[in-house]
Amino acid sequence: MIDFELLRDRSILLITPGGPLEKADFEQLAKEVDPFIASKGKLVGLMIYTESFPGWENFGALVAHLKFVADHHRQIERIAAVTNGGFLKIMPRIADHFVRAQIKHFEYKEKDRALAWLEAGK
């Protein structure tokens, strides 16, 4: 389950996982984000804000997540992983090999600092 908010005036997408990620989460994200990217050309930033990574509901959800990343990573300039969880702390080093966006980790309490970093990418 993912809650998300598209800050249209800042071209930033905030994602807050509330439980294991589902295939439908990525379909819903694409429905919201794709028209915005089509009109603006990109997202300045994406923030993943979660105390710890909740994992995926099933293999189909993992595949949907990977497809979403593959379809969108070229249209996102910066990604902020804001978390205390171990998996998302190491994500920038792993994803750097597969994703065009600049990725940076912030501690969970540093949401405002992460948002300022995303906005600096404009």
N, C-alpha and C. Protein backbone atom coordinates (compact mmCIF):
# COMPACT_ATOMS: atom_id res chain seq x y z
N MET A 1 0.84 -1.18 0.00
CA MET A 1 0.00 0.00 0.00
C MET A 1 0.88 1.25 0.00
N ILE A 2 0.62 2.15 -0.93
CA ILE A 2 1.38 3.40 -1.04
C ILE A 2 0.43 4.59 -0.98
N ASP A 3 0.78 5.55 -0.14
CA ASP A 3 0.14 6.86 -0.19
C ASP A 3 1.10 7.76 -0.95
N PHE A 4 0.56 8.62 -1.79
CA PHE A 4 1.44 9.52 -2.53
C PHE A 4 0.77 10.88 -2.72
N GLU A 5 1.62 11.87 -2.93
CA GLU A 5 1.15 13.23 -3.18
C GLU A 5 2.06 13.84 -4.23
N LEU A 6 1.47 14.35 -5.28
CA LEU A 6 2.22 15.03 -6.33
C LEU A 6 2.17 16.53 -6.06
N LEU A 7 3.31 17.11 -5.71
CA LEU A 7 3.41 18.55 -5.48
C LEU A 7 3.62 19.20 -6.85
N ARG A 8 2.53 19.47 -7.53
CA ARG A 8 2.58 19.92 -8.93
C ARG A 8 3.37 21.22 -9.10
N ASP A 9 3.25 22.14 -8.16
CA ASP A 9 3.95 23.42 -8.28
C ASP A 9 5.46 23.27 -8.11
N ARG A 10 5.90 22.16 -7.50
CA ARG A 10 7.34 21.92 -7.30
C ARG A 10 7.87 20.79 -8.17
N SER A 11 6.97 20.09 -8.86
CA SER A 11 7.33 18.92 -9.69
C SER A 11 8.03 17.83 -8.86
N ILE A 12 7.47 17.58 -7.67
CA ILE A 12 8.03 16.58 -6.76
C ILE A 12 6.92 15.60 -6.36
N LEU A 13 7.26 14.32 -6.39
CA LEU A 13 6.35 13.27 -5.97
C LEU A 13 6.80 12.73 -4.62
N LEU A 14 5.89 12.76 -3.64
CA LEU A 14 6.16 12.21 -2.30
C LEU A 14 5.45 10.86 -2.20
N ILE A 15 6.21 9.83 -1.86
CA ILE A 15 5.67 8.48 -1.72
C ILE A 15 5.88 8.03 -0.28
N THR A 16 4.79 7.54 0.34
CA THR A 16 4.86 7.04 1.72
C THR A 16 4.26 5.64 1.75
N PRO A 17 5.10 4.61 1.74
CA PRO A 17 4.56 3.25 1.85
C PRO A 17 3.92 3.03 3.22
N GLY A 18 2.71 2.49 3.21
CA GLY A 18 2.00 2.25 4.46
C GLY A 18 1.89 0.77 4.80
N GLY A 19 2.48 -0.04 3.98
CA GLY A 19 2.44 -1.50 4.14
C GLY A 19 3.09 -2.12 2.92
N PRO A 20 3.06 -3.43 2.83
CA PRO A 20 3.68 -4.09 1.67
C PRO A 20 3.17 -3.51 0.35
N LEU A 21 4.09 -3.27 -0.57
CA LEU A 21 3.74 -2.67 -1.85
C LEU A 21 2.95 -3.65 -2.70
N GLU A 22 1.93 -3.12 -3.40
CA GLU A 22 1.05 -3.93 -4.22
C GLU A 22 1.18 -3.53 -5.69
N LYS A 23 0.86 -4.44 -6.58
CA LYS A 23 0.89 -4.16 -8.01
C LYS A 23 0.03 -2.94 -8.34
N ALA A 24 -1.15 -2.87 -7.77
CA ALA A 24 -2.08 -1.76 -8.03
C ALA A 24 -1.50 -0.41 -7.63
N ASP A 25 -0.60 -0.39 -6.64
CA ASP A 25 0.03 0.86 -6.22
C ASP A 25 0.76 1.52 -7.39
N PHE A 26 1.49 0.72 -8.15
CA PHE A 26 2.29 1.25 -9.24
C PHE A 26 1.43 1.63 -10.44
N GLU A 27 0.33 0.92 -10.62
CA GLU A 27 -0.62 1.30 -11.67
C GLU A 27 -1.25 2.65 -11.34
N GLN A 28 -1.62 2.87 -10.09
CA GLN A 28 -2.21 4.13 -9.67
C GLN A 28 -1.19 5.27 -9.75
N LEU A 29 0.04 5.00 -9.34
CA LEU A 29 1.09 6.01 -9.45
C LEU A 29 1.28 6.45 -10.90
N ALA A 30 1.33 5.48 -11.80
CA ALA A 30 1.53 5.79 -13.22
C ALA A 30 0.37 6.63 -13.76
N LYS A 31 -0.85 6.32 -13.36
CA LYS A 31 -2.01 7.10 -13.82
C LYS A 31 -1.92 8.56 -13.40
N GLU A 32 -1.36 8.81 -12.25
CA GLU A 32 -1.22 10.18 -11.74
C GLU A 32 0.01 10.88 -12.32
N VAL A 33 1.12 10.18 -12.39
CA VAL A 33 2.40 10.78 -12.75
C VAL A 33 2.58 10.91 -14.26
N ASP A 34 2.14 9.92 -15.03
CA ASP A 34 2.40 9.94 -16.48
C ASP A 34 1.85 11.18 -17.18
N PRO A 35 0.59 11.60 -16.92
CA PRO A 35 0.11 12.82 -17.57
C PRO A 35 0.91 14.07 -17.15
N PHE A 36 1.33 14.11 -15.90
CA PHE A 36 2.13 15.24 -15.43
C PHE A 36 3.47 15.29 -16.16
N ILE A 37 4.14 14.16 -16.25
CA ILE A 37 5.43 14.09 -16.95
C ILE A 37 5.24 14.43 -18.43
N ALA A 38 4.16 13.96 -19.02
CA ALA A 38 3.89 14.26 -20.43
C ALA A 38 3.76 15.76 -20.66
N SER A 39 3.17 16.47 -19.69
CA SER A 39 2.99 17.92 -19.88
C SER A 39 4.22 18.73 -19.45
N LYS A 40 4.96 18.26 -18.46
CA LYS A 40 6.11 19.02 -17.93
C LYS A 40 7.46 18.47 -18.40
N GLY A 41 7.48 17.23 -18.87
CA GLY A 41 8.72 16.64 -19.34
C GLY A 41 9.51 15.85 -18.32
N LYS A 42 9.27 16.10 -17.03
CA LYS A 42 10.03 15.41 -15.99
C LYS A 42 9.45 15.70 -14.61
N LEU A 43 9.98 15.00 -13.64
CA LEU A 43 9.79 15.32 -12.22
C LEU A 43 11.14 15.82 -11.71
N VAL A 44 11.13 16.90 -10.97
CA VAL A 44 12.36 17.40 -10.37
C VAL A 44 12.83 16.41 -9.31
N GLY A 45 11.88 15.83 -8.58
CA GLY A 45 12.29 14.93 -7.51
C GLY A 45 11.22 13.95 -7.10
N LEU A 46 11.70 12.91 -6.44
CA LEU A 46 10.86 11.85 -5.87
C LEU A 46 11.38 11.60 -4.47
N MET A 47 10.50 11.66 -3.48
CA MET A 47 10.87 11.34 -2.11
C MET A 47 10.16 10.07 -1.67
N ILE A 48 10.94 9.12 -1.18
CA ILE A 48 10.40 7.91 -0.57
C ILE A 48 10.55 8.13 0.94
N TYR A 49 9.43 8.25 1.62
CA TYR A 49 9.43 8.61 3.04
C TYR A 49 8.81 7.48 3.85
N THR A 50 9.65 6.72 4.53
CA THR A 50 9.16 5.60 5.34
C THR A 50 10.19 5.26 6.41
N GLU A 51 9.71 4.94 7.58
CA GLU A 51 10.64 4.60 8.66
C GLU A 51 11.44 3.35 8.31
N SER A 52 10.78 2.37 7.68
CA SER A 52 11.48 1.17 7.21
C SER A 52 10.74 0.63 5.99
N PHE A 53 11.47 -0.02 5.11
CA PHE A 53 10.90 -0.52 3.87
C PHE A 53 9.97 -1.70 4.17
N PRO A 54 8.70 -1.65 3.70
CA PRO A 54 7.73 -2.68 4.04
C PRO A 54 7.76 -3.92 3.14
N GLY A 55 8.55 -3.89 2.08
CA GLY A 55 8.60 -5.04 1.17
C GLY A 55 7.44 -5.04 0.18
N TRP A 56 7.26 -6.16 -0.50
CA TRP A 56 6.22 -6.29 -1.52
C TRP A 56 5.21 -7.34 -1.10
N GLU A 57 3.98 -7.15 -1.53
CA GLU A 57 2.91 -8.10 -1.21
C GLU A 57 3.18 -9.46 -1.84
N ASN A 58 3.70 -9.46 -3.07
CA ASN A 58 3.98 -10.71 -3.78
C ASN A 58 4.94 -10.42 -4.93
N PHE A 59 5.27 -11.45 -5.70
CA PHE A 59 6.22 -11.31 -6.80
C PHE A 59 5.68 -10.37 -7.88
N GLY A 60 4.39 -10.38 -8.13
CA GLY A 60 3.78 -9.49 -9.10
C GLY A 60 3.99 -8.03 -8.74
N ALA A 61 3.94 -7.72 -7.45
CA ALA A 61 4.17 -6.36 -6.98
C ALA A 61 5.63 -5.96 -7.21
N LEU A 62 6.55 -6.87 -6.97
CA LEU A 62 7.97 -6.60 -7.23
C LEU A 62 8.20 -6.31 -8.71
N VAL A 63 7.60 -7.11 -9.58
CA VAL A 63 7.74 -6.90 -11.03
C VAL A 63 7.14 -5.55 -11.44
N ALA A 64 5.99 -5.21 -10.90
CA ALA A 64 5.36 -3.91 -11.20
C ALA A 64 6.25 -2.76 -10.74
N HIS A 65 6.90 -2.92 -9.59
CA HIS A 65 7.81 -1.90 -9.07
C HIS A 65 9.00 -1.72 -10.02
N LEU A 66 9.60 -2.82 -10.43
CA LEU A 66 10.74 -2.76 -11.34
C LEU A 66 10.36 -2.13 -12.68
N LYS A 67 9.17 -2.46 -13.18
CA LYS A 67 8.69 -1.88 -14.44
C LYS A 67 8.47 -0.38 -14.28
N PHE A 68 7.89 0.04 -13.16
CA PHE A 68 7.68 1.46 -12.91
C PHE A 68 9.01 2.21 -12.91
N VAL A 69 10.01 1.64 -12.24
CA VAL A 69 11.33 2.27 -12.20
C VAL A 69 11.92 2.35 -13.61
N ALA A 70 11.85 1.25 -14.35
CA ALA A 70 12.40 1.22 -15.72
C ALA A 70 11.71 2.25 -16.62
N ASP A 71 10.41 2.42 -16.46
CA ASP A 71 9.64 3.33 -17.31
C ASP A 71 9.80 4.79 -16.94
N HIS A 72 10.23 5.09 -15.71
CA HIS A 72 10.21 6.47 -15.23
C HIS A 72 11.56 7.05 -14.81
N HIS A 73 12.59 6.26 -14.61
CA HIS A 73 13.81 6.78 -14.01
C HIS A 73 14.49 7.86 -14.86
N ARG A 74 14.27 7.86 -16.14
CA ARG A 74 14.89 8.88 -17.00
C ARG A 74 14.18 10.23 -16.90
N GLN A 75 12.98 10.25 -16.34
CA GLN A 75 12.22 11.51 -16.21
C GLN A 75 12.25 12.06 -14.79
N ILE A 76 13.11 11.53 -13.95
CA ILE A 76 13.23 12.00 -12.56
C ILE A 76 14.67 12.41 -12.32
N GLU A 77 14.88 13.66 -11.88
CA GLU A 77 16.23 14.16 -11.68
C GLU A 77 16.87 13.69 -10.37
N ARG A 78 16.11 13.72 -9.28
CA ARG A 78 16.67 13.38 -7.97
C ARG A 78 15.69 12.50 -7.19
N ILE A 79 16.26 11.59 -6.41
CA ILE A 79 15.46 10.72 -5.54
C ILE A 79 16.04 10.82 -4.13
N ALA A 80 15.17 11.12 -3.17
CA ALA A 80 15.57 11.18 -1.76
C ALA A 80 14.94 9.99 -1.05
N ALA A 81 15.78 9.13 -0.49
CA ALA A 81 15.31 8.01 0.34
C ALA A 81 15.40 8.47 1.79
N VAL A 82 14.24 8.75 2.39
CA VAL A 82 14.18 9.32 3.73
C VAL A 82 13.67 8.21 4.66
N THR A 83 14.61 7.60 5.39
CA THR A 83 14.28 6.41 6.16
C THR A 83 15.34 6.09 7.20
N ASN A 84 14.96 5.31 8.18
CA ASN A 84 15.90 4.74 9.13
C ASN A 84 16.19 3.29 8.79
N GLY A 85 15.39 2.73 7.88
CA GLY A 85 15.50 1.32 7.53
C GLY A 85 16.76 1.01 6.74
N GLY A 86 17.33 -0.15 6.98
CA GLY A 86 18.56 -0.58 6.36
C GLY A 86 18.49 -0.70 4.85
N PHE A 87 17.41 -1.28 4.31
CA PHE A 87 17.32 -1.51 2.87
C PHE A 87 17.38 -0.21 2.09
N LEU A 88 16.60 0.78 2.48
CA LEU A 88 16.59 2.05 1.76
C LEU A 88 17.84 2.88 2.01
N LYS A 89 18.57 2.60 3.11
CA LYS A 89 19.83 3.30 3.34
C LYS A 89 20.88 2.90 2.31
N ILE A 90 20.87 1.63 1.91
CA ILE A 90 21.86 1.19 0.93
C ILE A 90 21.38 1.33 -0.51
N MET A 91 20.09 1.63 -0.70
CA MET A 91 19.52 1.76 -2.03
C MET A 91 20.29 2.70 -2.94
N PRO A 92 20.74 3.89 -2.48
CA PRO A 92 21.46 4.77 -3.40
C PRO A 92 22.69 4.12 -4.04
N ARG A 93 23.42 3.34 -3.28
CA ARG A 93 24.61 2.69 -3.83
C ARG A 93 24.26 1.61 -4.84
N ILE A 94 23.17 0.90 -4.62
CA ILE A 94 22.75 -0.16 -5.54
C ILE A 94 22.11 0.46 -6.78
N ALA A 95 21.17 1.35 -6.58
CA ALA A 95 20.41 1.92 -7.68
C ALA A 95 21.26 2.79 -8.59
N ASP A 96 22.36 3.30 -8.08
CA ASP A 96 23.23 4.15 -8.88
C ASP A 96 23.69 3.46 -10.17
N HIS A 97 23.70 2.13 -10.16
CA HIS A 97 24.12 1.36 -11.33
C HIS A 97 23.00 1.21 -12.36
N PHE A 98 21.75 1.46 -11.97
CA PHE A 98 20.60 1.19 -12.83
C PHE A 98 19.73 2.41 -13.13
N VAL A 99 19.87 3.45 -12.34
CA VAL A 99 18.96 4.58 -12.41
C VAL A 99 19.74 5.84 -12.77
N ARG A 100 19.18 6.63 -13.67
CA ARG A 100 19.84 7.87 -14.11
C ARG A 100 19.78 8.96 -13.04
N ALA A 101 18.75 9.00 -12.23
CA ALA A 101 18.56 10.05 -11.23
C ALA A 101 19.67 10.05 -10.19
N GLN A 102 19.93 11.23 -9.64
CA GLN A 102 20.84 11.35 -8.51
C GLN A 102 20.07 10.90 -7.27
N ILE A 103 20.66 10.01 -6.47
CA ILE A 103 19.96 9.44 -5.31
C ILE A 103 20.75 9.74 -4.04
N LYS A 104 20.01 10.13 -3.00
CA LYS A 104 20.66 10.45 -1.73
C LYS A 104 19.80 9.95 -0.57
N HIS A 105 20.47 9.44 0.46
CA HIS A 105 19.78 8.98 1.67
C HIS A 105 19.74 10.09 2.71
N PHE A 106 18.59 10.19 3.41
CA PHE A 106 18.42 11.09 4.54
C PHE A 106 17.81 10.29 5.68
N GLU A 107 18.15 10.64 6.90
CA GLU A 107 17.53 10.01 8.06
C GLU A 107 16.05 10.39 8.09
N TYR A 108 15.23 9.54 8.68
CA TYR A 108 13.77 9.72 8.71
C TYR A 108 13.37 11.09 9.25
N LYS A 109 14.08 11.60 10.21
CA LYS A 109 13.75 12.90 10.82
C LYS A 109 14.15 14.09 9.94
N GLU A 110 14.81 13.83 8.80
CA GLU A 110 15.32 14.90 7.94
C GLU A 110 14.45 15.16 6.70
N LYS A 111 13.15 15.00 6.83
CA LYS A 111 12.25 15.16 5.68
C LYS A 111 12.37 16.56 5.06
N ASP A 112 12.41 17.60 5.88
CA ASP A 112 12.50 18.96 5.36
C ASP A 112 13.82 19.18 4.62
N ARG A 113 14.90 18.65 5.15
CA ARG A 113 16.20 18.77 4.50
C ARG A 113 16.20 18.04 3.16
N ALA A 114 15.57 16.87 3.12
CA ALA A 114 15.47 16.10 1.88
C ALA A 114 14.64 16.85 0.84
N LEU A 115 13.55 17.46 1.26
CA LEU A 115 12.71 18.23 0.34
C LEU A 115 13.49 19.42 -0.23
N ALA A 116 14.26 20.09 0.61
CA ALA A 116 15.08 21.21 0.14
C ALA A 116 16.12 20.73 -0.88
N TRP A 117 16.71 19.56 -0.65
CA TRP A 117 17.68 19.00 -1.60
C TRP A 117 17.01 18.68 -2.94
N LEU A 118 15.81 18.12 -2.88
CA LEU A 118 15.08 17.83 -4.12
C LEU A 118 14.81 19.13 -4.88
N GLU A 119 14.34 20.14 -4.19
CA GLU A 119 14.01 21.41 -4.83
C GLU A 119 15.23 22.09 -5.42
N ALA A 120 16.39 21.86 -4.85
CA ALA A 120 17.63 22.46 -5.36
C ALA A 120 18.01 21.90 -6.73
N GLY A 121 17.37 20.82 -7.14
CA GLY A 121 17.66 20.20 -8.42
C GLY A 121 16.96 20.87 -9.59
N LYS A 122 16.14 21.87 -9.34
CA LYS A 122 15.39 22.54 -10.42
C LYS A 122 16.31 23.22 -11.40
